[in-house]
Amino acid sequence: MSLPRFLQPAPLVALLLASGCVPPPTAAISPANPTPAVAAAEGVPLDSPGLVSAADPRAAEAGAQMLRLGGSATDAAIATMLALTVVEPQSSGIGGGGFLVLGDAAGGVETIDGRETAPKAATPQWFYVDGKALAYGDAIPGGRSVGVPGNLRLAAMAHNGKGRLAWRTLFQPAIRLAREGFAITPRLRTILAAASRTGALDPDARALYYGSDGQPLPVGTQVRNPALAATLEMIAARGADSFYSGDNATLVASKVGTAPRNPAPMTTSDLADYKAVRRPAVCGMYRAYRICGMGPPSSGATTVFAILKQLERFDLKALGPQNPVSWHLIAESQRLAYADRDQYLADGDFVAVPVAGLTDPAYLASRSALISESTSLGLVQPGTPPGARLAFARAEPQEEHGTTHFVTVDRWGNAASYTSTIEGPFGSGLMVGGYYLNNELTDFNIVPDKDGKPTANRVEGGKRPRSSMSPTLVYGPDGKLRLAVGAAGGVTIPAQVAKAIIGVLDWNLSARDAIALPVIFAPGGDAIFVEKGTTLEAMIPALQQLGHAQVLARSPSFKANAIERVGDRWRGAADPRSEGAAIAP
C-alpha cells in the first residue's frame, strides 16, 4: 500500500529526512556566558534571570543576553526569533510567521496569532494553472506560496504588552551575527546541499551560502549577511511598521509578483493591512494538569488536548514507555484527534471552528470509548463535536519540514512558548533584504473541494492557513507552571508535543528525556509511523499483533524544545536530534 500523499516526500524533503529597567538604546550586549549550557542542564533557581531553550545555541544565547540585561521572557523570545532569522535561515525568521503563548506567574495565559495571510487577490483556485491543480512540490517554489509575513507584527504586539527592554536592544545580537558572521553548522550545510539540487534558491542566497563551484560552503565557514544586518537595523530604529511599508514592502510585493516561478499578485496594501491578533487561549484539564495552547488557525491546542484527554482513562503510568500497549494507545488516540483536525480546523475568522466541542470532556470521553487496549480501530472517521454545523469535507494534511520552536522564562515567573516558521526548508526560496520569504500558503488545501464539498482549509483572500504549530504551557495542580514545550516538524508537531507531555506527566521523565523519547505518528488511514532506529522500530511486530496492519519505520525529522519547573529550579531541554541548546544567562 502506498504512503498517504502528505507523507510522500517532495524531492528536497526526501533528502532532508537522512534550529525592571529599560537600558538606553546603546546598552552594551554582554559577551556569552562561558558555561550556559551546563547551568541550564543542572537547572537554575526560579529567582535567577531565567532560561532559554532554542534550536540553535547562538539564538538561545541572544535570548539569554536579554535576560541578563533584566529583560522579560517576551524580550528574550523576540531576540531569539530575530537571531534564528540569521543562524537558522532554513526554518524561520522575519519572512515568516508564528504563534506565541505567554503565561504569567499567576497562571494567566494569552496567545498571539502571527500567522501569515493570503493576499486579498487569492481565490480557492489559487494553486491552479490552466484549470489543473499544481502538485504540492510544484506549488512551493516562487511567489504563489508566499503569505504576508506575521512575525514582526506579533513581536511588536507582544513587546508593547510585555517587553521591558528597548525595542532596538532586542535586535542587537541578531544584527551582530549578521554583520560579523556566523558559522555554517552541519545541519544547515546538509539542508543547503539538498536545496542546491532543487534550483529553488534565490541568486542572492546562492551568493551567501554557495561557492563558485555551486556547492554549499563547508561546515564552519563564517557567513556574513550585510543585507540582513541592514534590514534588522532599519526595523530596530524605525519599528515593525517599517517592515510593512516603504521600501521593504515594495521589495516584497515586487519579488512575489515577478518571481521566476509561480509569480503571484501581492500588493503593498496586503502588507500594510496585516495585523497580528490576540486569540483566546485554549485550555483544558488532563488529569490534575491544565494544558493551554494556541487556538485556530492553529490546530495545535485542540489536537494535543484531544490526544491527551482521550488517553486519560488509561493507566499510562502503570503501562510505562517500554510497553507496546502504551504506544498502541497513543497511536489510536492520534488517529481520532487527527481525523477531527482534518475535518474542522481552519482560520476561525472564516470558518466556525467548534473549538469548545472539540475540547469538550464528554465528547472526548465518547471518542476515547472507541479505543481498545487489545486491538486497533483501523480506519477512523471524524466525530461530530457539539457545535459542529458546517458540512465541510475532510482533506488530507500536508507535511512541512521547516519551523522552529523556542521557550523562555524570566525572573518574575513569566514564560513564553513561541513557534516560528517559514514552512519548508528556505520557504519559497525567495530572498528579500537578506531574509527568506515563507511558503506558508501551501499549508492551505491546494484542491479546495472534495467529494463535491468545500474544505474548511481552502484558500481565500486574507485568510490564514491551518497550522500544526503547538506552543504549549502546562500548569500543575498547584497552579504554577510545570512545563513550556513545543516542536517543529509539520503535521507531526501535535504528536511530538503530546508525547513529551505524557513523558513528563505520566512517566515521570525529565523534559529532556521525554523529548528524546521516540515518536509514533498515526495521522489517518491504516498506517502508523515509528521512528527508525529506536525501540519503537523493535516494537513493530507487537504493534502488528495489536491490529496495526501497516507499521512503517521512518527517519526522524523532529526538533523540540522545553523548559520545566522541578522543585525550586528551572531546567531546560533541547531535542538530541537537533543542534539545539538550553542557555542560562
Protein backbone atom coordinates (compact mmCIF):
# COMPACT_ATOMS: atom_id res chain seq x y z
CA MET A 1 0.00 0.00 0.00
CA SER A 2 1.33 3.45 -0.90
CA LEU A 3 2.02 6.12 1.69
CA PRO A 4 -0.54 8.86 2.21
CA ARG A 5 0.19 11.76 -0.14
CA PHE A 6 1.34 14.10 2.61
CA LEU A 7 3.98 11.54 3.67
CA GLN A 8 5.28 11.08 0.13
CA PRO A 9 8.27 13.43 0.33
CA ALA A 10 8.97 16.11 -2.23
CA PRO A 11 12.50 15.74 -3.67
CA LEU A 12 14.02 18.21 -1.20
CA VAL A 13 12.17 16.74 1.77
CA ALA A 14 13.33 13.24 0.88
CA LEU A 15 16.92 14.40 1.15
CA LEU A 16 16.30 16.19 4.43
CA LEU A 17 14.96 13.17 6.23
CA ALA A 18 18.69 11.03 6.11
CA SER A 19 17.28 25.04 14.64
CA GLY A 20 12.63 46.19 35.57
CA CYS A 21 14.73 48.53 33.94
CA VAL A 22 14.89 49.64 30.34
CA PRO A 23 18.51 50.27 29.35
CA PRO A 24 19.38 53.10 26.99
CA PRO A 25 19.42 52.32 23.25
CA THR A 26 23.19 51.97 23.38
CA ALA A 27 23.16 49.41 26.19
CA ALA A 28 26.09 47.04 25.80
CA ILE A 29 25.30 43.46 24.95
CA SER A 30 27.50 41.39 27.19
CA PRO A 31 29.62 38.50 25.91
CA ALA A 32 28.34 34.98 26.04
CA ASN A 33 28.25 33.19 29.35
CA PRO A 34 31.10 30.63 29.19
CA THR A 35 29.11 27.84 30.86
CA PRO A 36 25.46 28.49 30.00
CA ALA A 37 24.59 25.01 28.80
CA VAL A 38 25.93 23.37 31.95
CA ALA A 39 23.90 25.69 34.14
CA ALA A 40 20.77 25.06 32.08
CA ALA A 41 21.17 21.30 32.29
CA GLU A 42 21.64 21.38 36.05
CA GLY A 43 18.83 23.87 36.47
CA VAL A 44 18.75 27.47 37.64
CA PRO A 45 16.88 28.91 40.64
CA LEU A 46 13.39 30.22 39.97
CA ASP A 47 14.52 33.72 41.00
CA SER A 48 17.52 33.71 38.65
CA PRO A 49 17.41 35.89 35.50
CA GLY A 50 15.74 32.99 33.64
CA LEU A 51 16.43 30.41 30.94
CA VAL A 52 16.13 29.97 27.16
CA SER A 53 15.86 26.81 25.07
CA ALA A 54 16.11 27.04 21.27
CA ALA A 55 17.12 25.02 18.23
CA ASP A 56 20.45 26.86 17.88
CA PRO A 57 22.72 27.81 20.81
CA ARG A 58 23.60 31.17 19.24
CA ALA A 59 19.94 32.12 19.16
CA ALA A 60 19.40 30.83 22.69
CA GLU A 61 22.34 32.98 23.79
CA ALA A 62 20.70 36.03 22.16
CA GLY A 63 17.66 35.46 24.35
CA ALA A 64 19.82 34.84 27.40
CA GLN A 65 21.52 38.19 26.84
CA MET A 66 18.15 39.92 27.15
CA LEU A 67 17.51 38.14 30.45
CA ARG A 68 20.95 39.18 31.61
CA LEU A 69 20.02 42.81 30.94
CA GLY A 70 16.88 42.49 33.06
CA GLY A 71 14.55 41.68 30.19
CA SER A 72 11.33 39.68 30.30
CA ALA A 73 10.57 36.28 28.83
CA THR A 74 8.91 38.15 25.96
CA ASP A 75 12.04 40.21 25.31
CA ALA A 76 14.12 37.03 25.30
CA ALA A 77 11.72 35.27 22.93
CA ILE A 78 11.78 38.13 20.43
CA ALA A 79 15.59 38.34 20.48
CA THR A 80 15.74 34.57 19.96
CA MET A 81 13.36 34.76 16.98
CA LEU A 82 15.45 37.52 15.40
CA ALA A 83 18.71 35.63 15.89
CA LEU A 84 17.18 32.50 14.37
CA THR A 85 16.46 34.57 11.25
CA VAL A 86 20.24 34.79 10.87
CA VAL A 87 21.57 31.42 12.02
CA GLU A 88 18.68 29.11 11.10
CA PRO A 89 17.53 30.70 7.82
CA GLN A 90 16.15 27.42 6.53
CA SER A 91 13.48 27.18 9.21
CA SER A 92 12.13 30.50 10.41
CA GLY A 93 12.57 34.25 10.59
CA ILE A 94 11.08 37.64 9.90
CA GLY A 95 9.94 36.47 6.46
CA GLY A 96 7.51 34.06 8.11
CA GLY A 97 5.07 33.92 10.99
CA GLY A 98 4.36 32.20 14.25
CA PHE A 99 2.27 31.67 17.34
CA LEU A 100 3.19 32.90 20.81
CA VAL A 101 1.71 31.58 24.05
CA LEU A 102 2.51 33.72 27.09
CA GLY A 103 1.98 32.70 30.71
CA ASP A 104 2.44 34.69 33.88
CA ALA A 105 3.34 33.57 37.39
CA ALA A 106 -0.31 33.67 38.45
CA GLY A 107 -1.36 31.23 35.73
CA GLY A 108 -2.79 33.77 33.30
CA VAL A 109 -2.36 32.76 29.66
CA GLU A 110 -2.67 34.82 26.50
CA THR A 111 -1.90 33.94 22.91
CA ILE A 112 -0.91 35.99 19.86
CA ASP A 113 -1.55 34.87 16.30
CA GLY A 114 1.17 35.99 13.89
CA ARG A 115 0.21 33.52 11.16
CA GLU A 116 0.71 34.66 7.58
CA THR A 117 -2.27 35.70 5.43
CA ALA A 118 -3.10 35.09 1.79
CA PRO A 119 -3.09 38.16 -0.46
CA LYS A 120 -6.50 39.74 -0.99
CA ALA A 121 -6.44 38.55 -4.60
CA ALA A 122 -6.28 34.89 -3.55
CA THR A 123 -9.13 32.57 -4.53
CA PRO A 124 -9.85 28.88 -3.84
CA GLN A 125 -8.17 28.10 -7.20
CA TRP A 126 -5.01 29.96 -6.20
CA PHE A 127 -2.81 26.96 -6.99
CA TYR A 128 -4.46 26.08 -10.30
CA VAL A 129 -2.76 26.53 -13.68
CA ASP A 130 -4.73 26.01 -16.88
CA GLY A 131 -7.56 24.56 -14.86
CA LYS A 132 -5.42 21.96 -13.09
CA ALA A 133 -4.11 21.94 -9.52
CA LEU A 134 -0.37 22.14 -9.12
CA ALA A 135 1.34 19.21 -7.45
CA TYR A 136 2.35 20.08 -3.88
CA GLY A 137 6.07 20.16 -4.69
CA ASP A 138 5.47 22.36 -7.73
CA ALA A 139 3.42 24.85 -5.71
CA ILE A 140 6.20 25.61 -3.21
CA PRO A 141 8.91 27.49 -5.16
CA GLY A 142 8.31 31.10 -6.08
CA GLY A 143 5.67 33.70 -5.41
CA ARG A 144 2.36 31.89 -5.21
CA SER A 145 3.19 30.13 -1.96
CA VAL A 146 4.17 33.32 -0.09
CA GLY A 147 1.88 34.66 2.62
CA VAL A 148 2.18 38.11 4.17
CA PRO A 149 4.75 37.62 6.99
CA GLY A 150 3.48 38.00 10.54
CA ASN A 151 6.41 37.57 12.92
CA LEU A 152 7.28 41.25 13.31
CA ARG A 153 3.70 42.36 13.94
CA LEU A 154 3.48 39.55 16.51
CA ALA A 155 6.73 40.68 18.11
CA ALA A 156 5.62 44.32 18.27
CA MET A 157 2.28 43.40 19.85
CA ALA A 158 3.96 41.19 22.44
CA HIS A 159 6.64 43.77 23.21
CA ASN A 160 4.09 46.55 23.65
CA GLY A 161 2.36 44.49 26.32
CA LYS A 162 5.15 42.50 27.98
CA GLY A 163 8.51 43.98 26.96
CA ARG A 164 10.82 45.62 29.49
CA LEU A 165 13.82 46.44 27.30
CA ALA A 166 14.02 48.96 24.49
CA TRP A 167 12.82 47.56 21.14
CA ARG A 168 16.16 48.24 19.44
CA THR A 169 18.05 46.39 22.17
CA LEU A 170 16.32 43.15 21.20
CA PHE A 171 17.85 43.35 17.71
CA GLN A 172 21.48 43.80 18.68
CA PRO A 173 22.56 40.12 18.93
CA ALA A 174 20.96 39.29 15.57
CA ILE A 175 22.50 42.36 13.91
CA ARG A 176 25.90 41.41 15.26
CA LEU A 177 25.57 37.83 13.99
CA ALA A 178 24.54 39.04 10.54
CA ARG A 179 27.19 41.77 10.38
CA GLU A 180 30.16 39.95 11.93
CA GLY A 181 29.31 36.47 10.69
CA PHE A 182 28.13 33.08 11.87
CA ALA A 183 29.44 29.59 11.20
CA ILE A 184 27.64 27.14 8.92
CA THR A 185 26.60 24.13 11.02
CA PRO A 186 26.34 20.51 9.84
CA ARG A 187 22.53 20.72 9.79
CA LEU A 188 22.48 23.89 7.72
CA ARG A 189 25.01 22.50 5.25
CA THR A 190 23.00 19.30 4.83
CA ILE A 191 19.89 21.29 4.01
CA LEU A 192 21.82 23.60 1.69
CA ALA A 193 23.14 20.55 -0.17
CA ALA A 194 19.61 19.25 -0.63
CA ALA A 195 18.31 22.66 -1.68
CA SER A 196 21.04 23.07 -4.28
CA ARG A 197 19.55 20.16 -6.18
CA THR A 198 16.13 21.81 -6.46
CA GLY A 199 17.33 25.04 -8.07
CA ALA A 200 14.84 26.88 -5.84
CA LEU A 201 17.18 29.23 -4.02
CA ASP A 202 17.35 32.92 -4.88
CA PRO A 203 20.59 34.17 -6.55
CA ASP A 204 21.20 36.44 -3.55
CA ALA A 205 21.05 33.38 -1.29
CA ARG A 206 23.35 31.42 -3.55
CA ALA A 207 25.93 34.17 -3.27
CA LEU A 208 25.74 33.87 0.52
CA TYR A 209 25.83 30.12 1.01
CA TYR A 210 27.47 28.54 -2.07
CA GLY A 211 30.92 28.62 -3.60
CA SER A 212 31.90 29.26 -7.21
CA ASP A 213 31.66 25.51 -7.82
CA GLY A 214 27.96 25.56 -6.94
CA GLN A 215 28.49 23.54 -3.78
CA PRO A 216 27.45 24.66 -0.28
CA LEU A 217 30.21 26.29 1.70
CA PRO A 218 31.93 23.91 4.14
CA VAL A 219 30.86 23.43 7.73
CA GLY A 220 32.47 26.09 9.88
CA THR A 221 32.59 28.73 7.15
CA GLN A 222 31.81 32.18 8.51
CA VAL A 223 28.89 33.72 6.61
CA ARG A 224 28.23 37.45 6.73
CA ASN A 225 24.83 38.74 5.68
CA PRO A 226 25.15 42.54 5.45
CA ALA A 227 21.79 42.90 3.69
CA LEU A 228 20.03 41.24 6.61
CA ALA A 229 22.01 43.32 9.09
CA ALA A 230 20.83 46.47 7.30
CA THR A 231 17.20 45.24 7.33
CA LEU A 232 17.35 44.48 11.04
CA GLU A 233 18.99 47.84 11.78
CA MET A 234 16.16 49.60 9.94
CA ILE A 235 13.45 47.75 11.87
CA ALA A 236 15.30 48.26 15.15
CA ALA A 237 15.42 52.01 14.57
CA ARG A 238 12.01 52.57 12.96
CA GLY A 239 9.84 49.85 14.45
CA ALA A 240 7.87 46.97 12.94
CA ASP A 241 5.84 49.31 10.72
CA SER A 242 8.93 49.87 8.58
CA PHE A 243 8.75 46.21 7.51
CA TYR A 244 5.15 46.55 6.34
CA SER A 245 5.52 49.85 4.46
CA GLY A 246 8.01 51.77 2.41
CA ASP A 247 10.92 50.17 0.59
CA ASN A 248 10.70 46.77 2.27
CA ALA A 249 7.01 46.32 1.45
CA THR A 250 7.67 47.37 -2.14
CA LEU A 251 10.52 44.88 -2.43
CA VAL A 252 8.44 42.02 -1.01
CA ALA A 253 5.47 42.70 -3.30
CA SER A 254 7.76 43.03 -6.31
CA LYS A 255 9.69 39.85 -5.51
CA VAL A 256 6.46 37.85 -5.20
CA GLY A 257 4.92 39.40 -8.31
CA THR A 258 7.96 38.90 -10.55
CA ALA A 259 9.21 35.56 -9.22
CA PRO A 260 10.69 33.36 -11.96
CA ARG A 261 8.39 30.56 -10.81
CA ASN A 262 4.73 30.95 -9.85
CA PRO A 263 4.56 34.77 -9.77
CA ALA A 264 1.53 35.99 -7.85
CA PRO A 265 -0.28 39.27 -7.18
CA MET A 266 0.77 40.50 -3.74
CA THR A 267 0.44 44.25 -3.16
CA THR A 268 1.94 46.73 -0.73
CA SER A 269 -1.59 47.09 0.67
CA ASP A 270 -1.54 43.40 1.58
CA LEU A 271 1.48 44.09 3.77
CA ALA A 272 0.26 47.41 5.18
CA ASP A 273 -3.05 45.87 6.24
CA TYR A 274 -1.56 42.85 8.03
CA LYS A 275 -2.40 42.60 11.73
CA ALA A 276 -1.35 40.20 14.45
CA VAL A 277 -4.35 39.10 16.53
CA ARG A 278 -4.83 38.27 20.19
CA ARG A 279 -6.77 34.99 20.37
CA PRO A 280 -8.40 33.24 23.33
CA ALA A 281 -6.15 30.58 24.79
CA VAL A 282 -7.48 27.04 24.51
CA CYS A 283 -7.12 25.29 27.86
CA GLY A 284 -8.35 22.05 29.38
CA MET A 285 -7.62 19.65 32.23
CA TYR A 286 -5.61 16.46 31.71
CA ARG A 287 -5.53 14.52 34.95
CA ALA A 288 -4.62 17.23 37.51
CA TYR A 289 -2.85 19.46 35.00
CA ARG A 290 -4.08 22.44 32.97
CA ILE A 291 -2.93 22.30 29.36
CA CYS A 292 -3.02 25.60 27.42
CA GLY A 293 -2.21 26.28 23.81
CA MET A 294 -2.98 28.13 20.60
CA GLY A 295 -6.39 28.01 19.01
CA PRO A 296 -7.35 28.39 15.33
CA PRO A 297 -5.86 28.89 12.84
CA SER A 298 -3.54 26.58 14.78
CA SER A 299 -4.75 23.02 15.12
CA GLY A 300 -2.22 22.57 17.91
CA ALA A 301 -4.21 23.11 21.10
CA THR A 302 -7.29 21.12 20.10
CA THR A 303 -5.29 18.22 18.68
CA VAL A 304 -2.77 17.97 21.53
CA PHE A 305 -5.54 18.17 24.11
CA ALA A 306 -7.68 15.58 22.34
CA ILE A 307 -4.78 13.13 22.17
CA LEU A 308 -4.19 13.54 25.89
CA LYS A 309 -7.78 13.61 27.09
CA GLN A 310 -8.75 10.51 25.12
CA LEU A 311 -5.94 8.68 26.96
CA GLU A 312 -6.94 9.88 30.42
CA ARG A 313 -8.93 6.75 31.29
CA PHE A 314 -5.90 4.50 30.67
CA ASP A 315 -3.20 3.94 33.29
CA LEU A 316 -0.25 5.00 31.18
CA LYS A 317 1.95 5.27 34.25
CA ALA A 318 1.49 1.60 35.05
CA LEU A 319 1.99 0.58 31.42
CA GLY A 320 5.18 2.62 31.02
CA PRO A 321 7.18 3.66 27.95
CA GLN A 322 8.63 0.20 27.29
CA ASN A 323 5.22 -1.41 26.77
CA PRO A 324 3.92 -1.64 23.17
CA VAL A 325 0.39 -1.21 24.51
CA SER A 326 1.25 2.34 25.61
CA TRP A 327 2.32 3.29 22.10
CA HIS A 328 -0.65 1.48 20.58
CA LEU A 329 -2.98 3.58 22.74
CA ILE A 330 -1.15 6.79 21.83
CA ALA A 331 -1.42 5.93 18.14
CA GLU A 332 -5.13 5.19 18.42
CA SER A 333 -5.79 8.48 20.17
CA GLN A 334 -3.82 10.29 17.47
CA ARG A 335 -5.98 8.70 14.75
CA LEU A 336 -9.12 10.10 16.33
CA ALA A 337 -7.67 13.54 17.07
CA TYR A 338 -6.20 13.97 13.59
CA ALA A 339 -9.46 12.93 11.95
CA ASP A 340 -11.23 15.78 13.73
CA ARG A 341 -8.35 18.14 12.98
CA ASP A 342 -8.52 17.46 9.26
CA GLN A 343 -12.29 17.88 9.21
CA TYR A 344 -12.83 21.00 11.29
CA LEU A 345 -9.69 23.09 11.82
CA ALA A 346 -9.09 26.25 9.80
CA ASP A 347 -8.96 30.02 10.26
CA GLY A 348 -11.69 30.83 12.76
CA ASP A 349 -12.24 34.23 11.14
CA PHE A 350 -13.52 32.42 8.04
CA VAL A 351 -14.89 29.14 9.40
CA ALA A 352 -16.93 28.43 12.53
CA VAL A 353 -14.47 26.03 14.18
CA PRO A 354 -16.19 24.11 17.03
CA VAL A 355 -13.31 24.62 19.49
CA ALA A 356 -15.49 24.17 22.58
CA GLY A 357 -16.93 20.96 21.18
CA LEU A 358 -13.55 19.57 20.13
CA THR A 359 -12.25 20.05 23.68
CA ASP A 360 -15.47 19.08 25.49
CA PRO A 361 -14.66 16.36 28.08
CA ALA A 362 -17.88 14.45 27.38
CA TYR A 363 -17.26 14.44 23.64
CA LEU A 364 -13.66 13.30 24.09
CA ALA A 365 -14.81 10.60 26.51
CA SER A 366 -17.11 9.29 23.76
CA ARG A 367 -14.20 9.27 21.33
CA SER A 368 -11.99 7.57 23.92
CA ALA A 369 -14.58 4.82 24.31
CA LEU A 370 -13.75 3.74 20.75
CA ILE A 371 -10.20 2.86 21.80
CA SER A 372 -9.37 -0.70 22.84
CA GLU A 373 -6.20 -1.84 24.59
CA SER A 374 -6.19 -5.07 22.62
CA THR A 375 -6.95 -4.16 19.02
CA SER A 376 -6.69 -1.30 16.55
CA LEU A 377 -9.53 0.81 15.25
CA GLY A 378 -8.02 0.81 11.79
CA LEU A 379 -9.62 3.47 9.62
CA VAL A 380 -11.42 6.15 11.62
CA GLN A 381 -13.89 8.88 10.77
CA PRO A 382 -14.26 12.36 12.22
CA GLY A 383 -16.71 12.71 15.06
CA THR A 384 -19.49 15.23 15.48
CA PRO A 385 -18.45 17.52 18.34
CA PRO A 386 -21.02 19.84 19.91
CA GLY A 387 -21.39 22.98 17.82
CA ALA A 388 -20.26 21.39 14.55
CA ARG A 389 -22.60 22.84 11.95
CA LEU A 390 -20.70 23.10 8.71
CA ALA A 391 -20.75 20.33 6.16
CA PHE A 392 -17.13 20.64 5.07
CA ALA A 393 -15.24 17.77 3.53
CA ARG A 394 -12.25 16.26 5.29
CA ALA A 395 -8.97 16.89 3.47
CA GLU A 396 -5.61 15.14 3.75
CA PRO A 397 -2.98 17.09 5.69
CA GLN A 398 0.27 18.08 4.03
CA GLU A 399 3.61 17.83 5.77
CA GLU A 400 6.13 20.62 6.20
CA HIS A 401 9.75 20.32 7.31
CA GLY A 402 10.75 23.83 8.30
CA THR A 403 9.76 25.55 11.54
CA THR A 404 11.48 26.09 14.88
CA HIS A 405 10.36 26.32 18.50
CA PHE A 406 11.85 28.12 21.49
CA VAL A 407 10.85 28.75 25.08
CA THR A 408 11.90 31.34 27.64
CA VAL A 409 11.26 32.03 31.32
CA ASP A 410 12.24 35.08 33.34
CA ARG A 411 12.97 36.05 36.95
CA TRP A 412 9.33 37.02 37.53
CA GLY A 413 7.98 33.58 36.63
CA ASN A 414 6.69 34.56 33.20
CA ALA A 415 7.05 32.14 30.29
CA ALA A 416 6.92 32.37 26.51
CA SER A 417 6.36 29.37 24.23
CA TYR A 418 6.89 30.51 20.63
CA THR A 419 6.79 28.50 17.41
CA SER A 420 8.08 30.33 14.33
CA THR A 421 8.24 29.19 10.73
CA ILE A 422 8.81 29.93 7.07
CA GLU A 423 7.27 26.47 6.38
CA GLY A 424 9.51 24.36 4.16
CA PRO A 425 13.31 24.47 4.07
CA PHE A 426 14.15 28.01 2.91
CA GLY A 427 10.45 28.68 2.42
CA SER A 428 9.59 29.80 -1.09
CA GLY A 429 13.27 30.11 -1.98
CA LEU A 430 12.83 33.86 -2.49
CA MET A 431 15.05 36.28 -0.57
CA VAL A 432 14.44 39.96 0.20
CA GLY A 433 16.75 42.11 2.29
CA GLY A 434 18.81 39.09 3.36
CA TYR A 435 15.85 37.05 4.70
CA TYR A 436 13.75 34.31 3.13
CA LEU A 437 10.07 34.63 2.30
CA ASN A 438 7.84 31.82 3.52
CA ASN A 439 5.83 29.27 1.55
CA GLU A 440 3.04 29.10 4.15
CA LEU A 441 0.20 29.23 1.64
CA THR A 442 0.92 25.62 0.72
CA ASP A 443 -0.49 24.82 4.18
CA PHE A 444 -3.89 25.52 2.61
CA ASN A 445 -5.61 22.69 0.78
CA ILE A 446 -4.36 23.08 -2.78
CA VAL A 447 -7.52 21.39 -4.04
CA PRO A 448 -10.33 23.39 -2.40
CA ASP A 449 -13.10 20.79 -2.69
CA LYS A 450 -13.51 17.11 -2.01
CA ASP A 451 -16.43 14.86 -2.88
CA GLY A 452 -18.39 17.85 -4.09
CA LYS A 453 -17.99 19.78 -0.82
CA PRO A 454 -15.67 22.66 0.08
CA THR A 455 -12.89 22.03 2.58
CA ALA A 456 -12.57 24.25 5.64
CA ASN A 457 -8.91 24.98 4.89
CA ARG A 458 -9.32 26.12 1.28
CA VAL A 459 -7.55 29.27 0.08
CA GLU A 460 -9.35 32.59 0.46
CA GLY A 461 -8.13 36.18 0.29
CA GLY A 462 -6.92 37.45 3.67
CA LYS A 463 -7.27 34.01 5.26
CA ARG A 464 -4.63 32.32 7.42
CA PRO A 465 -3.73 28.71 6.56
CA ARG A 466 -4.26 26.00 9.14
CA SER A 467 -1.13 25.22 11.10
CA SER A 468 0.14 22.30 13.16
CA MET A 469 2.30 24.51 15.38
CA SER A 470 1.59 23.71 19.02
CA PRO A 471 3.26 26.06 21.52
CA THR A 472 2.03 24.79 24.87
CA LEU A 473 2.10 25.63 28.58
CA VAL A 474 1.31 23.06 31.28
CA TYR A 475 0.29 24.12 34.80
CA GLY A 476 0.49 21.81 37.80
CA PRO A 477 -2.10 21.11 40.50
CA ASP A 478 -0.58 23.98 42.49
CA GLY A 479 -1.44 26.39 39.67
CA LYS A 480 2.23 27.01 38.86
CA LEU A 481 3.88 26.47 35.51
CA ARG A 482 5.18 22.92 35.21
CA LEU A 483 6.27 22.77 31.56
CA ALA A 484 6.62 25.01 28.49
CA VAL A 485 7.06 22.97 25.33
CA GLY A 486 6.73 22.95 21.56
CA ALA A 487 8.21 21.34 18.48
CA ALA A 488 8.99 21.59 14.78
CA GLY A 489 8.17 19.03 12.13
CA GLY A 490 4.97 20.00 10.35
CA VAL A 491 1.96 17.80 10.84
CA THR A 492 3.89 15.67 13.37
CA ILE A 493 4.10 18.59 15.82
CA PRO A 494 0.96 17.80 17.89
CA ALA A 495 2.09 14.17 18.16
CA GLN A 496 5.55 15.25 19.35
CA VAL A 497 4.16 17.68 21.91
CA ALA A 498 1.59 15.24 23.29
CA LYS A 499 4.27 12.55 23.59
CA ALA A 500 6.56 14.92 25.51
CA ILE A 501 3.76 15.85 27.90
CA ILE A 502 2.93 12.18 28.51
CA GLY A 503 6.62 11.53 29.17
CA VAL A 504 6.76 14.23 31.85
CA LEU A 505 3.34 13.84 33.49
CA ASP A 506 2.65 10.12 33.17
CA TRP A 507 6.09 8.57 33.05
CA ASN A 508 7.86 10.98 35.42
CA LEU A 509 10.66 11.66 32.95
CA SER A 510 12.65 14.84 32.77
CA ALA A 511 11.69 17.12 29.92
CA ARG A 512 14.96 16.22 28.22
CA ASP A 513 14.25 12.50 28.40
CA ALA A 514 10.61 13.00 27.37
CA ILE A 515 11.63 14.91 24.26
CA ALA A 516 14.21 12.23 23.47
CA LEU A 517 11.55 9.50 23.52
CA PRO A 518 10.91 8.03 20.07
CA VAL A 519 7.97 9.36 18.08
CA ILE A 520 4.96 7.39 16.90
CA PHE A 521 2.68 9.07 14.38
CA ALA A 522 -0.77 7.92 13.29
CA PRO A 523 -2.37 10.72 11.26
CA GLY A 524 -5.01 8.74 9.41
CA GLY A 525 -5.56 5.83 7.11
CA ASP A 526 -4.49 2.40 8.32
CA ALA A 527 -0.75 3.16 8.52
CA ILE A 528 1.24 4.28 11.52
CA PHE A 529 4.81 5.51 11.50
CA VAL A 530 7.52 4.85 14.07
CA GLU A 531 10.89 6.49 14.40
CA LYS A 532 13.59 4.49 12.69
CA GLY A 533 16.45 3.16 14.76
CA THR A 534 14.60 3.37 18.08
CA THR A 535 12.87 1.00 20.49
CA LEU A 536 9.65 1.65 18.59
CA GLU A 537 11.06 0.03 15.47
CA ALA A 538 11.74 -3.08 17.54
CA MET A 539 8.07 -3.00 18.64
CA ILE A 540 6.73 -3.27 15.09
CA PRO A 541 5.80 -6.98 15.43
CA ALA A 542 3.99 -6.32 18.71
CA LEU A 543 2.11 -3.38 17.17
CA GLN A 544 1.12 -5.56 14.23
CA GLN A 545 -0.24 -8.15 16.65
CA LEU A 546 -2.41 -5.38 18.11
CA GLY A 547 -4.04 -4.97 14.72
CA HIS A 548 -1.94 -2.27 13.05
CA ALA A 549 -1.78 -3.64 9.55
CA GLN A 550 0.90 -1.26 8.28
CA VAL A 551 3.65 -0.07 10.63
CA LEU A 552 6.41 1.78 8.83
CA ALA A 553 9.75 3.00 10.18
CA ARG A 554 10.74 6.49 9.05
CA SER A 555 13.84 8.58 9.57
CA PRO A 556 13.49 11.26 12.22
CA SER A 557 12.76 14.86 11.25
CA PHE A 558 11.86 16.08 14.72
CA LYS A 559 13.00 19.06 16.78
CA ALA A 560 11.51 20.00 20.16
CA ASN A 561 12.46 22.38 22.96
CA ALA A 562 11.17 22.82 26.51
CA ILE A 563 11.71 24.33 29.93
CA GLU A 564 10.28 22.67 33.04
CA ARG A 565 9.94 23.62 36.69
CA VAL A 566 11.31 20.99 39.05
CA GLY A 567 11.05 21.99 42.68
CA ASP A 568 12.65 25.40 43.05
CA ARG A 569 14.56 25.30 39.74
CA TRP A 570 14.02 25.77 36.02
CA ARG A 571 15.54 23.11 33.79
CA GLY A 572 15.99 23.42 30.05
CA ALA A 573 15.67 20.73 27.41
CA ALA A 574 16.61 20.54 23.73
CA ASP A 575 15.99 17.70 21.31
CA PRO A 576 19.06 15.46 20.97
CA ARG A 577 18.12 15.03 17.29
CA SER A 578 18.80 18.73 16.74
CA GLU A 579 21.60 21.25 17.27
CA GLY A 580 19.55 22.92 19.99
CA ALA A 581 20.59 24.01 23.46
CA ALA A 582 19.24 25.45 26.67
CA ILE A 583 21.14 28.54 27.80
CA ALA A 584 21.19 30.23 31.19
CA PRO A 585 22.25 33.90 31.49
